Amino acid sequence: MDTRRRTAIDLGKIAAETGPQAGLRASRMTGGLKGSQILQIATEIRDLRSRGETVCDLTVGDFSPQHFPIPEKLRDGIASAIMRGETNYPPAAGILELRQAVRRFYLRDLGLDYPVESIMITCGARPVIYGTYRAVCDPKDRVLYPVPSWNNHYYVHMVEATGVPIPTSAASRFLPTPEQIIEHLAGARLISLNSPLNPTGTAIEPEALRGICEAVLNENRRRETRGERPVYLLYDHIYWMLSVGETPHVTPSELFEEMARYTIYVDGISKGFAATGVRVGWAVGPVDIVARMRAVLSHAGAWAPRAEQCATTEWLDDVEGIAAYQSEFKKAISARLNKVYEGLMAMKGRGCPVDAIPPMGAIYLTVRIAPFGRRTEGGAVLDDSEAVRSYLLEEARIGIVPFAAFGVSGDDGWFRFSVGATSLEEIEDALPRLEKALLALS
């Protein structure tokens, strides 16, 4: 081994220079890919906290390990797997034991009995979404998705498909109706649904999902007679374990067995067990499509680490442990969601320009804050959601995300409040600050 120390070459300047043809250096696709607005807001919050400011962060779709630690058995299982040497590459589809555990988990808790060949393990849920888009969509294929929704417009852009955003409203709890899907179904290749929905925390009703599934099956029967490609349903239910109150969770395959031919489920341990950083997700779907997804993702190395897969295998088979963890976990999330909702409704009763949809699931609350046209003490007019967001961060030290970050155009004052990274005490302290800031407007 050559132990001689090399002379350092300072490459900072030249690495930062783009040259005279900056616009030609990157691919056309990446040149048009926008960054996440949520991450931009998170940077503002970090800057405030670095200056010693107290901020109630209701922006990130994540969990604070301080308030929501992962299950002890999962944590200890990861450490144990590493200690016994489970550190080499896992199979591209995931270790067989975990795929079998996911199969048992779905049979036990969802009543869905899929073959193990239908299951692929990934590094969190995002590769499943990307893999689905890549496996079924060609350039210019039509993709239907509701707005607001999480990141569909980015995935459409990356695979060069044609996005068909379906505007939704508070009247349908920001979920698409069967009629809206049917209106755009002809020629569509993929429908992307998420329930409970990020960013709204609302869940699709069984009858609405039934209507959408019936439309998909009827459309595909027509296409089959004409020798045309089918339309698929990407069903992201990563939050299904976090339903609130009596809200039911329903799946396409339980409503119609035939939907198993056309539905790709997105799931994992990230949300249901507060394990966002552990990065174990999975796809469940038609065997042929999952095989195509595996081929795509194997070239990206998008698999979950072997130690985490081993630990997740043991955890998913711990029926009593999951029940005990979920009981306390959901209770704590519900308490936060209800605290925010009840506080906002009390403000509304006192004349503040706020409203909210009752919580149904996930870690999100849909909130409307619409003091449009009012002035701050400094004389600035709040004329759009971004101005409202910025004002509340500065004056109330509350971080929230406007629906514009989820593909919504126009400004009607709807925001996502996320409660996974904050405590009840922080929420209780923040609500009076929010009311004071709104009442200070003229």
Protein backbone atom coordinates (compact mmCIF):
# COMPACT_ATOMS: atom_id res chain seq x y z
CA MET A 1 0.00 0.00 0.00
CA ASP A 2 1.34 3.44 -0.96
CA THR A 3 1.38 5.47 2.27
CA ARG A 4 2.80 8.63 0.69
CA ARG A 5 0.52 11.63 1.17
CA ARG A 6 -0.57 13.20 -2.09
CA THR A 7 -0.57 16.94 -2.65
CA ALA A 8 -4.15 18.24 -2.45
CA ILE A 9 -5.58 19.77 -5.60
CA ASP A 10 -8.10 22.53 -4.96
CA LEU A 11 -10.94 21.80 -7.41
CA GLY A 12 -13.58 24.00 -5.79
CA LYS A 13 -13.53 26.73 -8.40
CA ILE A 14 -13.48 24.56 -11.51
CA ALA A 15 -16.10 22.16 -10.13
CA ALA A 16 -18.44 25.11 -9.56
CA GLU A 17 -18.00 26.53 -13.06
CA THR A 18 -20.56 25.52 -15.66
CA GLY A 19 -18.83 27.03 -18.64
CA PRO A 20 -20.49 28.98 -21.47
CA GLN A 21 -23.15 26.33 -22.22
CA ALA A 22 -24.63 25.76 -18.78
CA GLY A 23 -28.05 24.82 -20.14
CA LEU A 24 -26.64 21.93 -22.17
CA ARG A 25 -24.74 20.17 -19.39
CA ALA A 26 -27.59 18.19 -17.82
CA SER A 27 -30.31 16.05 -19.38
CA ARG A 28 -33.49 17.67 -20.63
CA MET A 29 -35.50 15.73 -18.06
CA THR A 30 -33.48 16.87 -15.06
CA GLY A 31 -33.35 20.40 -16.40
CA GLY A 32 -37.11 20.63 -16.03
CA LEU A 33 -37.35 18.81 -12.70
CA LYS A 34 -38.23 21.17 -9.87
CA GLY A 35 -37.08 20.77 -6.30
CA SER A 36 -39.41 20.03 -3.41
CA GLN A 37 -41.16 23.06 -1.93
CA ILE A 38 -41.46 21.18 1.37
CA LEU A 39 -37.68 20.89 1.60
CA GLN A 40 -37.35 24.61 0.94
CA ILE A 41 -39.70 25.35 3.82
CA ALA A 42 -37.76 22.93 6.02
CA THR A 43 -34.61 24.95 5.33
CA GLU A 44 -36.34 28.11 6.58
CA ILE A 45 -37.34 26.32 9.78
CA ARG A 46 -33.82 25.04 10.36
CA ASP A 47 -32.48 28.57 9.95
CA LEU A 48 -34.90 29.90 12.57
CA ARG A 49 -34.04 27.12 15.01
CA SER A 50 -30.32 27.69 14.49
CA ARG A 51 -30.95 31.21 15.81
CA GLY A 52 -32.56 29.81 18.93
CA GLU A 53 -36.18 30.34 17.86
CA THR A 54 -38.95 27.98 18.96
CA VAL A 55 -40.85 26.67 15.94
CA CYS A 56 -43.78 24.23 15.87
CA ASP A 57 -42.90 22.23 12.77
CA LEU A 58 -46.06 20.93 11.12
CA THR A 59 -44.46 20.52 7.70
CA VAL A 60 -42.63 17.21 7.41
CA GLY A 61 -44.32 13.88 6.73
CA ASP A 62 -41.95 12.26 9.18
CA PHE A 63 -41.78 11.20 12.82
CA SER A 64 -39.62 12.56 15.58
CA PRO A 65 -37.81 9.59 17.18
CA GLN A 66 -38.07 11.50 20.46
CA HIS A 67 -41.86 11.35 20.36
CA PHE A 68 -42.37 8.30 18.12
CA PRO A 69 -39.55 5.74 18.44
CA ILE A 70 -39.64 2.65 16.26
CA PRO A 71 -40.72 -0.61 17.94
CA GLU A 72 -38.04 -1.94 20.30
CA LYS A 73 -38.13 -5.38 18.72
CA LEU A 74 -37.48 -3.87 15.29
CA ARG A 75 -34.65 -1.71 16.64
CA ASP A 76 -32.99 -4.58 18.47
CA GLY A 77 -33.53 -6.91 15.53
CA ILE A 78 -31.57 -4.60 13.21
CA ALA A 79 -28.66 -4.44 15.64
CA SER A 80 -28.70 -8.22 16.12
CA ALA A 81 -28.75 -8.86 12.36
CA ILE A 82 -25.76 -6.59 11.84
CA MET A 83 -23.84 -8.28 14.65
CA ARG A 84 -24.36 -11.71 13.13
CA GLY A 85 -23.09 -10.52 9.75
CA GLU A 86 -26.24 -9.80 7.72
CA THR A 87 -24.45 -7.07 5.78
CA ASN A 88 -24.08 -8.39 2.23
CA TYR A 89 -26.30 -7.75 -0.79
CA PRO A 90 -29.87 -9.01 -0.48
CA PRO A 91 -31.65 -10.57 -3.49
CA ALA A 92 -33.11 -8.02 -5.91
CA ALA A 93 -36.67 -9.01 -4.96
CA GLY A 94 -35.88 -9.00 -1.23
CA ILE A 95 -35.01 -11.89 1.05
CA LEU A 96 -37.50 -14.71 0.69
CA GLU A 97 -38.27 -14.77 4.41
CA LEU A 98 -39.47 -11.15 4.38
CA ARG A 99 -41.54 -11.63 1.24
CA GLN A 100 -43.22 -14.57 2.94
CA ALA A 101 -43.75 -12.48 6.09
CA VAL A 102 -45.40 -9.72 4.02
CA ARG A 103 -47.63 -12.36 2.46
CA ARG A 104 -48.71 -13.58 5.91
CA PHE A 105 -49.18 -9.99 7.08
CA TYR A 106 -51.51 -9.15 4.17
CA LEU A 107 -53.47 -12.35 4.61
CA ARG A 108 -53.85 -11.81 8.33
CA ASP A 109 -54.62 -8.09 8.44
CA LEU A 110 -56.08 -7.30 5.00
CA GLY A 111 -57.55 -10.66 3.98
CA LEU A 112 -55.52 -10.63 0.74
CA ASP A 113 -53.74 -13.89 -0.16
CA TYR A 114 -51.13 -13.03 -2.80
CA PRO A 115 -48.42 -15.42 -4.00
CA VAL A 116 -44.91 -14.62 -2.87
CA GLU A 117 -44.01 -13.91 -6.50
CA SER A 118 -46.29 -10.86 -6.29
CA ILE A 119 -44.15 -9.28 -3.56
CA MET A 120 -40.97 -7.24 -3.98
CA ILE A 121 -39.02 -5.54 -1.18
CA THR A 122 -37.61 -2.07 -1.80
CA CYS A 123 -35.73 0.71 -0.05
CA GLY A 124 -38.85 2.39 1.28
CA ALA A 125 -42.02 3.07 -0.69
CA ARG A 126 -40.73 5.63 -3.19
CA PRO A 127 -38.95 3.05 -5.40
CA VAL A 128 -42.26 1.19 -5.69
CA ILE A 129 -43.94 4.30 -7.07
CA TYR A 130 -41.10 5.05 -9.45
CA GLY A 131 -40.83 1.38 -10.44
CA THR A 132 -44.53 1.26 -11.23
CA TYR A 133 -44.35 4.34 -13.43
CA ARG A 134 -41.32 2.90 -15.22
CA ALA A 135 -42.78 -0.59 -15.61
CA VAL A 136 -46.12 0.39 -17.13
CA CYS A 137 -45.70 3.86 -18.69
CA ASP A 138 -44.10 4.78 -21.98
CA PRO A 139 -43.46 8.40 -22.99
CA LYS A 140 -46.72 10.33 -23.52
CA ASP A 141 -48.85 7.68 -21.78
CA ARG A 142 -51.68 9.30 -19.82
CA VAL A 143 -51.55 9.15 -16.02
CA LEU A 144 -54.57 10.19 -13.95
CA TYR A 145 -54.02 11.49 -10.44
CA PRO A 146 -55.92 13.77 -8.07
CA VAL A 147 -54.64 17.11 -6.92
CA PRO A 148 -53.62 17.63 -4.25
CA SER A 149 -51.46 14.50 -4.08
CA TRP A 150 -47.87 13.70 -3.27
CA ASN A 151 -45.26 13.92 -6.04
CA ASN A 152 -47.27 12.44 -8.93
CA HIS A 153 -46.41 15.43 -11.11
CA TYR A 154 -42.70 14.73 -10.52
CA TYR A 155 -42.98 11.06 -11.44
CA VAL A 156 -44.95 11.93 -14.57
CA HIS A 157 -42.18 14.30 -15.55
CA MET A 158 -39.42 11.76 -14.94
CA VAL A 159 -40.94 9.09 -17.18
CA GLU A 160 -42.07 11.68 -19.76
CA ALA A 161 -45.69 10.63 -19.45
CA THR A 162 -48.67 12.94 -19.90
CA GLY A 163 -50.15 13.93 -16.58
CA VAL A 164 -53.90 14.37 -16.24
CA PRO A 165 -54.36 16.11 -12.88
CA ILE A 166 -57.90 15.79 -11.55
CA PRO A 167 -58.88 18.79 -9.41
CA THR A 168 -60.65 17.89 -6.20
CA SER A 169 -62.34 19.96 -3.50
CA ALA A 170 -63.30 19.98 0.14
CA ALA A 171 -66.76 18.72 -0.85
CA SER A 172 -65.24 15.30 -1.67
CA ARG A 173 -62.57 15.64 1.05
CA PHE A 174 -60.06 16.21 -1.76
CA LEU A 175 -60.50 12.69 -3.12
CA PRO A 176 -61.49 11.96 -6.73
CA THR A 177 -64.99 10.71 -7.43
CA PRO A 178 -65.74 7.77 -9.75
CA GLU A 179 -67.36 10.22 -12.17
CA GLN A 180 -64.14 12.24 -12.41
CA ILE A 181 -62.06 9.15 -13.09
CA ILE A 182 -64.52 7.85 -15.70
CA GLU A 183 -64.44 11.19 -17.50
CA HIS A 184 -60.72 10.81 -18.20
CA LEU A 185 -60.39 7.02 -18.32
CA ALA A 186 -60.37 6.51 -22.08
CA GLY A 187 -56.77 6.16 -23.22
CA ALA A 188 -55.33 6.30 -19.69
CA ARG A 189 -52.49 3.94 -18.80
CA LEU A 190 -52.22 4.51 -15.06
CA ILE A 191 -54.41 5.83 -12.23
CA SER A 192 -52.56 6.86 -9.09
CA LEU A 193 -54.55 6.86 -5.84
CA ASN A 194 -53.42 7.28 -2.24
CA SER A 195 -55.60 6.48 0.78
CA PRO A 196 -55.35 7.76 3.45
CA LEU A 197 -54.22 10.65 1.32
CA ASN A 198 -51.06 12.69 1.65
CA PRO A 199 -51.49 15.67 2.10
CA THR A 200 -55.06 15.70 3.39
CA GLY A 201 -55.29 12.77 5.80
CA THR A 202 -58.66 11.85 4.29
CA ALA A 203 -59.61 8.31 3.26
CA ILE A 204 -61.56 7.04 0.28
CA GLU A 205 -65.01 5.62 1.03
CA PRO A 206 -65.67 1.98 0.06
CA GLU A 207 -68.44 2.92 -2.40
CA ALA A 208 -66.27 5.50 -4.14
CA LEU A 209 -63.44 2.99 -4.54
CA ARG A 210 -65.95 0.40 -5.72
CA GLY A 211 -67.12 2.77 -8.46
CA ILE A 212 -63.56 3.45 -9.59
CA CYS A 213 -62.71 -0.26 -9.66
CA GLU A 214 -65.84 -1.09 -11.64
CA ALA A 215 -64.86 1.56 -14.19
CA VAL A 216 -61.33 0.12 -14.47
CA LEU A 217 -62.59 -3.43 -14.94
CA ASN A 218 -65.17 -2.42 -17.54
CA GLU A 219 -62.58 -0.38 -19.42
CA ASN A 220 -60.07 -3.23 -19.42
CA ARG A 221 -62.64 -5.74 -20.63
CA ARG A 222 -63.33 -3.46 -23.59
CA ARG A 223 -59.62 -3.03 -24.25
CA GLU A 224 -59.01 -6.77 -24.08
CA THR A 225 -61.50 -7.40 -26.88
CA ARG A 226 -59.68 -4.80 -28.99
CA GLY A 227 -56.19 -6.05 -28.14
CA GLU A 228 -55.26 -2.83 -26.37
CA ARG A 229 -53.05 -2.29 -23.33
CA PRO A 230 -54.84 -2.21 -19.96
CA VAL A 231 -55.07 0.63 -17.49
CA TYR A 232 -53.47 -0.04 -14.09
CA LEU A 233 -54.24 1.27 -10.62
CA LEU A 234 -51.34 2.36 -8.44
CA TYR A 235 -52.82 2.12 -4.93
CA ASP A 236 -50.55 3.77 -2.40
CA HIS A 237 -51.82 2.79 1.04
CA ILE A 238 -48.64 3.38 3.02
CA TYR A 239 -50.80 4.99 5.76
CA TRP A 240 -53.43 2.25 5.97
CA MET A 241 -52.43 1.24 9.49
CA LEU A 242 -53.01 4.82 10.70
CA SER A 243 -56.76 5.18 10.23
CA VAL A 244 -58.42 7.44 12.79
CA GLY A 245 -61.56 6.58 14.74
CA GLU A 246 -64.07 4.47 12.81
CA THR A 247 -62.61 5.24 9.39
CA PRO A 248 -62.44 1.97 7.40
CA HIS A 249 -59.57 1.06 5.13
CA VAL A 250 -60.60 -0.65 1.92
CA THR A 251 -58.54 -2.19 -0.90
CA PRO A 252 -59.41 -2.74 -4.57
CA SER A 253 -58.66 -6.48 -4.43
CA GLU A 254 -61.09 -7.14 -1.58
CA LEU A 255 -63.87 -5.38 -3.50
CA PHE A 256 -63.18 -7.22 -6.78
CA GLU A 257 -60.81 -10.17 -7.02
CA GLU A 258 -60.18 -9.36 -10.66
CA MET A 259 -58.57 -6.06 -9.60
CA ALA A 260 -55.53 -8.11 -8.51
CA ARG A 261 -54.62 -8.24 -12.23
CA TYR A 262 -54.42 -4.46 -12.45
CA THR A 263 -53.53 -3.12 -8.98
CA ILE A 264 -50.04 -2.38 -7.67
CA TYR A 265 -49.97 -1.72 -3.92
CA VAL A 266 -47.41 0.63 -2.37
CA ASP A 267 -46.63 -0.16 1.25
CA GLY A 268 -43.94 -0.55 3.90
CA ILE A 269 -43.03 -0.01 7.54
CA SER A 270 -42.21 3.70 7.20
CA LYS A 271 -45.49 5.16 8.40
CA GLY A 272 -47.29 2.40 10.26
CA PHE A 273 -44.31 1.85 12.57
CA ALA A 274 -42.67 5.31 12.53
CA ALA A 275 -39.71 3.73 10.71
CA THR A 276 -39.18 6.26 7.92
CA GLY A 277 -35.38 6.05 8.10
CA VAL A 278 -35.22 2.27 8.28
CA ARG A 279 -36.16 2.15 4.58
CA VAL A 280 -38.12 -1.06 4.16
CA GLY A 281 -40.99 -0.90 1.70
CA TRP A 282 -42.68 -3.32 -0.64
CA ALA A 283 -44.77 -3.70 -3.76
CA VAL A 284 -47.62 -6.18 -4.00
CA GLY A 285 -49.16 -6.66 -7.42
CA PRO A 286 -49.53 -8.72 -10.60
CA VAL A 287 -46.63 -11.15 -10.93
CA ASP A 288 -45.63 -10.00 -14.42
CA ILE A 289 -45.61 -6.31 -13.55
CA VAL A 290 -43.70 -6.86 -10.31
CA ALA A 291 -41.10 -8.79 -12.33
CA ARG A 292 -40.71 -5.81 -14.67
CA MET A 293 -40.39 -3.47 -11.69
CA ARG A 294 -37.74 -5.73 -10.20
CA ALA A 295 -35.76 -5.60 -13.45
CA VAL A 296 -35.89 -1.79 -13.48
CA LEU A 297 -35.01 -1.29 -9.83
CA SER A 298 -32.26 -3.91 -9.77
CA HIS A 299 -30.22 -1.57 -11.96
CA ALA A 300 -30.71 1.23 -9.43
CA GLY A 301 -29.84 -0.86 -6.37
CA ALA A 302 -33.12 0.19 -4.76
CA TRP A 303 -33.27 -2.64 -2.24
CA ALA A 304 -33.59 -2.34 1.51
CA PRO A 305 -30.48 -3.29 3.53
CA ARG A 306 -30.32 -6.96 4.47
CA ALA A 307 -30.15 -6.39 8.24
CA GLU A 308 -33.29 -4.24 8.16
CA GLN A 309 -35.05 -6.86 6.05
CA CYS A 310 -34.18 -9.58 8.56
CA ALA A 311 -35.47 -7.52 11.47
CA THR A 312 -38.66 -6.60 9.62
CA THR A 313 -39.31 -10.29 8.94
CA GLU A 314 -39.36 -11.02 12.65
CA TRP A 315 -41.41 -7.93 13.45
CA LEU A 316 -44.20 -8.57 10.94
CA ASP A 317 -44.81 -12.00 12.48
CA ASP A 318 -45.12 -10.56 16.01
CA VAL A 319 -48.91 -10.23 16.08
CA GLU A 320 -49.14 -9.25 19.75
CA GLY A 321 -46.22 -6.84 19.52
CA ILE A 322 -47.72 -5.06 16.52
CA ALA A 323 -51.10 -4.74 18.24
CA ALA A 324 -49.53 -3.29 21.38
CA TYR A 325 -47.35 -0.85 19.46
CA GLN A 326 -50.16 0.27 17.16
CA SER A 327 -52.54 0.86 20.06
CA GLU A 328 -50.26 3.43 21.72
CA PHE A 329 -48.92 4.84 18.46
CA LYS A 330 -52.33 5.57 16.96
CA LYS A 331 -53.59 6.95 20.26
CA ALA A 332 -50.76 9.50 20.34
CA ILE A 333 -51.25 10.51 16.69
CA SER A 334 -55.01 10.86 17.12
CA ALA A 335 -54.50 13.02 20.19
CA ARG A 336 -52.34 15.43 18.21
CA LEU A 337 -54.67 15.55 15.22
CA ASN A 338 -57.70 16.11 17.44
CA LYS A 339 -55.90 18.80 19.43
CA VAL A 340 -55.16 20.77 16.28
CA TYR A 341 -58.63 20.24 14.84
CA GLU A 342 -60.47 21.22 18.03
CA GLY A 343 -58.22 24.24 18.49
CA LEU A 344 -58.90 25.46 14.96
CA MET A 345 -62.63 24.94 15.30
CA ALA A 346 -62.57 26.99 18.49
CA MET A 347 -60.72 29.76 16.63
CA LYS A 348 -63.26 29.60 13.83
CA GLY A 349 -66.00 30.08 16.40
CA ARG A 350 -64.21 33.20 17.62
CA GLY A 351 -64.15 34.67 14.13
CA CYS A 352 -60.72 33.63 12.84
CA PRO A 353 -60.54 32.91 9.08
CA VAL A 354 -59.81 29.19 9.55
CA ASP A 355 -61.51 25.88 8.81
CA ALA A 356 -60.54 22.21 8.79
CA ILE A 357 -61.71 18.76 7.72
CA PRO A 358 -62.03 16.26 10.61
CA PRO A 359 -59.09 13.81 10.76
CA MET A 360 -59.57 10.41 9.12
CA GLY A 361 -56.11 8.91 8.86
CA ALA A 362 -52.35 9.29 8.36
CA ILE A 363 -50.60 12.09 10.29
CA TYR A 364 -52.18 14.97 8.40
CA LEU A 365 -54.94 17.48 8.85
CA THR A 366 -56.46 19.53 6.04
CA VAL A 367 -56.69 23.15 7.16
CA ARG A 368 -57.91 26.31 5.48
CA ILE A 369 -56.41 29.63 6.53
CA ALA A 370 -57.71 32.39 4.31
CA PRO A 371 -57.07 35.92 5.62
CA PHE A 372 -56.68 37.10 2.03
CA GLY A 373 -56.70 40.85 1.55
CA ARG A 374 -55.83 41.56 5.16
CA ARG A 375 -52.75 43.50 6.18
CA THR A 376 -49.96 42.70 8.60
CA GLU A 377 -48.85 45.23 11.19
CA GLY A 378 -46.06 46.14 8.78
CA GLY A 379 -48.55 46.92 6.01
CA ALA A 380 -47.99 43.88 3.81
CA VAL A 381 -51.10 42.44 2.14
CA LEU A 382 -51.63 38.68 2.43
CA ASP A 383 -52.81 37.97 -1.09
CA ASP A 384 -51.91 34.28 -1.53
CA SER A 385 -51.17 31.09 0.40
CA GLU A 386 -47.42 31.57 0.22
CA ALA A 387 -47.74 34.97 1.85
CA VAL A 388 -49.91 33.45 4.58
CA ARG A 389 -47.43 30.60 5.14
CA SER A 390 -44.49 32.97 5.37
CA TYR A 391 -46.36 35.33 7.72
CA LEU A 392 -47.35 32.53 10.11
CA LEU A 393 -43.80 31.18 10.20
CA GLU A 394 -42.42 34.61 11.06
CA GLU A 395 -45.15 35.80 13.45
CA ALA A 396 -46.53 32.59 14.98
CA ARG A 397 -43.46 30.38 14.56
CA ILE A 398 -45.59 27.66 12.95
CA GLY A 399 -44.39 25.79 9.88
CA ILE A 400 -47.11 24.57 7.48
CA VAL A 401 -47.24 23.51 3.81
CA PRO A 402 -49.62 25.02 1.22
CA PHE A 403 -51.43 22.70 -1.15
CA ALA A 404 -49.49 24.33 -3.99
CA ALA A 405 -46.65 21.99 -2.98
CA PHE A 406 -48.91 19.09 -3.95
CA GLY A 407 -49.81 20.21 -7.45
CA VAL A 408 -52.76 22.50 -6.68
CA SER A 409 -53.00 25.61 -8.83
CA GLY A 410 -54.81 28.69 -7.66
CA ASP A 411 -55.05 30.05 -4.14
CA ASP A 412 -57.89 29.02 -1.89
CA GLY A 413 -55.95 28.86 1.36
CA TRP A 414 -55.69 25.11 2.00
CA PHE A 415 -52.70 23.77 3.90
CA ARG A 416 -51.30 20.48 5.20
CA PHE A 417 -50.64 20.24 8.94
CA SER A 418 -48.43 17.25 9.81
CA VAL A 419 -48.21 16.13 13.45
CA GLY A 420 -45.56 13.40 13.38
CA ALA A 421 -42.62 15.56 14.35
CA THR A 422 -44.11 17.53 17.24
CA SER A 423 -45.50 17.02 20.73
CA LEU A 424 -48.87 17.77 22.26
CA GLU A 425 -47.23 20.45 24.37
CA GLU A 426 -45.72 22.15 21.31
CA ILE A 427 -49.14 22.12 19.63
CA GLU A 428 -50.81 23.54 22.73
CA ASP A 429 -48.24 26.34 22.84
CA ALA A 430 -48.48 27.06 19.12
CA LEU A 431 -52.26 27.37 18.76
CA PRO A 432 -52.51 30.60 20.80
CA ARG A 433 -49.64 32.05 18.75
CA LEU A 434 -51.55 31.20 15.56
CA GLU A 435 -54.71 32.88 16.81
CA LYS A 436 -52.81 35.96 17.99
CA ALA A 437 -51.12 36.32 14.59
CA LEU A 438 -54.43 36.06 12.75
CA LEU A 439 -56.19 38.50 15.06
CA ALA A 440 -53.34 41.01 14.56
CA LEU A 441 -54.28 41.35 10.88
CA SER A 442 -56.35 44.32 9.78
